[in-house]
Amino acid sequence: MRHIPTSIVILLMLAREGFTGPAAYGVCQAGCSAVVMACYSAAGFTWGATLGVSAPAFVIACNTAYGTCQAACAATLLTPTL
C-alpha cells in the first residue's frame, strides 16, 4: 500500500502539459466572426464589403471590436493547459 502514493507522484511528474491552443484559437475566431456578422447585420451592412473612408462610425466600431477580439484569440494559440 505504500507504493500507491509513490506511483501517483511519479505519474504526476511524468505528465506533460498539453497544448489545446490551436483548437481554442479556432473556436475563438469562429466566435469573433459570428459577433462581427451580427454587428454588421444590426447596422444594415454586409460584412466584407469595402467601404473605405466612407464607412459609418458604427461599422468602424464593429471593425475595432473584431480586431480586439482577434488579438485576444491570438493569446490562446500558444497557451499551454494542464
Protein backbone atom coordinates (compact mmCIF):
# COMPACT_ATOMS: atom_id res chain seq x y z
CA MET A 1 0.00 0.00 0.00
CA ARG A 2 2.93 2.37 0.47
CA HIS A 3 3.75 2.17 -3.23
CA ILE A 4 0.45 3.64 -4.39
CA PRO A 5 1.22 7.25 -3.33
CA THR A 6 4.74 6.95 -4.77
CA SER A 7 3.44 5.76 -8.13
CA ILE A 8 0.90 8.60 -8.20
CA VAL A 9 3.66 11.13 -7.57
CA ILE A 10 5.79 9.61 -10.33
CA LEU A 11 2.83 9.64 -12.72
CA LEU A 12 2.14 13.30 -11.97
CA MET A 13 5.81 14.16 -12.50
CA LEU A 14 5.80 12.47 -15.89
CA ALA A 15 2.56 14.09 -17.03
CA ARG A 16 3.20 16.80 -19.58
CA GLU A 17 1.16 19.88 -20.24
CA GLY A 18 -0.99 19.75 -23.34
CA PHE A 19 -1.46 22.37 -26.00
CA THR A 20 -5.09 22.91 -26.87
CA GLY A 21 -4.18 26.28 -28.33
CA PRO A 22 -4.98 25.53 -31.99
CA ALA A 23 -8.45 24.19 -31.16
CA ALA A 24 -9.19 27.04 -28.76
CA TYR A 25 -7.93 29.53 -31.34
CA GLY A 26 -10.30 28.16 -33.97
CA VAL A 27 -13.28 28.29 -31.62
CA CYS A 28 -12.37 31.82 -30.58
CA GLN A 29 -12.04 33.00 -34.20
CA ALA A 30 -15.41 31.48 -35.06
CA GLY A 31 -16.95 33.36 -32.13
CA CYS A 32 -15.37 36.64 -33.24
CA SER A 33 -16.68 36.14 -36.77
CA ALA A 34 -20.19 35.41 -35.54
CA VAL A 35 -20.20 38.55 -33.41
CA VAL A 36 -18.90 40.79 -36.20
CA MET A 37 -21.53 39.37 -38.57
CA ALA A 38 -24.24 40.24 -36.05
CA CYS A 39 -22.73 43.70 -35.58
CA TYR A 40 -22.73 44.39 -39.33
CA SER A 41 -26.24 43.00 -39.74
CA ALA A 42 -27.52 45.23 -36.94
CA ALA A 43 -26.05 48.21 -38.79
CA GLY A 44 -27.65 47.08 -42.05
CA PHE A 45 -24.37 46.39 -43.83
CA THR A 46 -22.69 43.33 -45.32
CA TRP A 47 -19.53 42.12 -43.66
CA GLY A 48 -16.65 42.02 -46.13
CA ALA A 49 -17.89 44.90 -48.28
CA THR A 50 -15.22 47.54 -48.81
CA LEU A 51 -16.40 50.94 -47.63
CA GLY A 52 -13.04 52.63 -47.08
CA VAL A 53 -13.14 56.20 -45.83
CA SER A 54 -16.90 56.44 -46.30
CA ALA A 55 -17.58 53.79 -43.64
CA PRO A 56 -20.03 54.95 -40.96
CA ALA A 57 -18.89 55.12 -37.34
CA PHE A 58 -20.93 52.04 -36.41
CA VAL A 59 -19.08 49.91 -38.98
CA ILE A 60 -15.73 51.25 -37.78
CA ALA A 61 -16.74 50.31 -34.22
CA CYS A 62 -17.58 46.78 -35.44
CA ASN A 63 -14.16 46.53 -37.11
CA THR A 64 -12.38 47.78 -33.99
CA ALA A 65 -14.21 45.27 -31.79
CA TYR A 66 -13.39 42.49 -34.25
CA GLY A 67 -9.69 43.40 -34.20
CA THR A 68 -9.69 43.40 -30.40
CA CYS A 69 -11.40 40.01 -30.37
CA GLN A 70 -8.85 38.57 -32.80
CA ALA A 71 -5.99 39.89 -30.68
CA ALA A 72 -7.46 38.14 -27.64
CA CYS A 73 -7.71 34.93 -29.67
CA ALA A 74 -4.03 35.12 -30.58
CA ALA A 75 -3.15 34.65 -26.91
CA THR A 76 -4.96 31.31 -26.84
CA LEU A 77 -2.88 29.86 -29.66
CA LEU A 78 0.24 29.20 -27.58
CA THR A 79 -1.33 28.94 -24.14
CA PRO A 80 -0.44 25.61 -22.51
CA THR A 81 -3.08 23.81 -20.49
CA LEU A 82 -2.70 21.16 -17.85
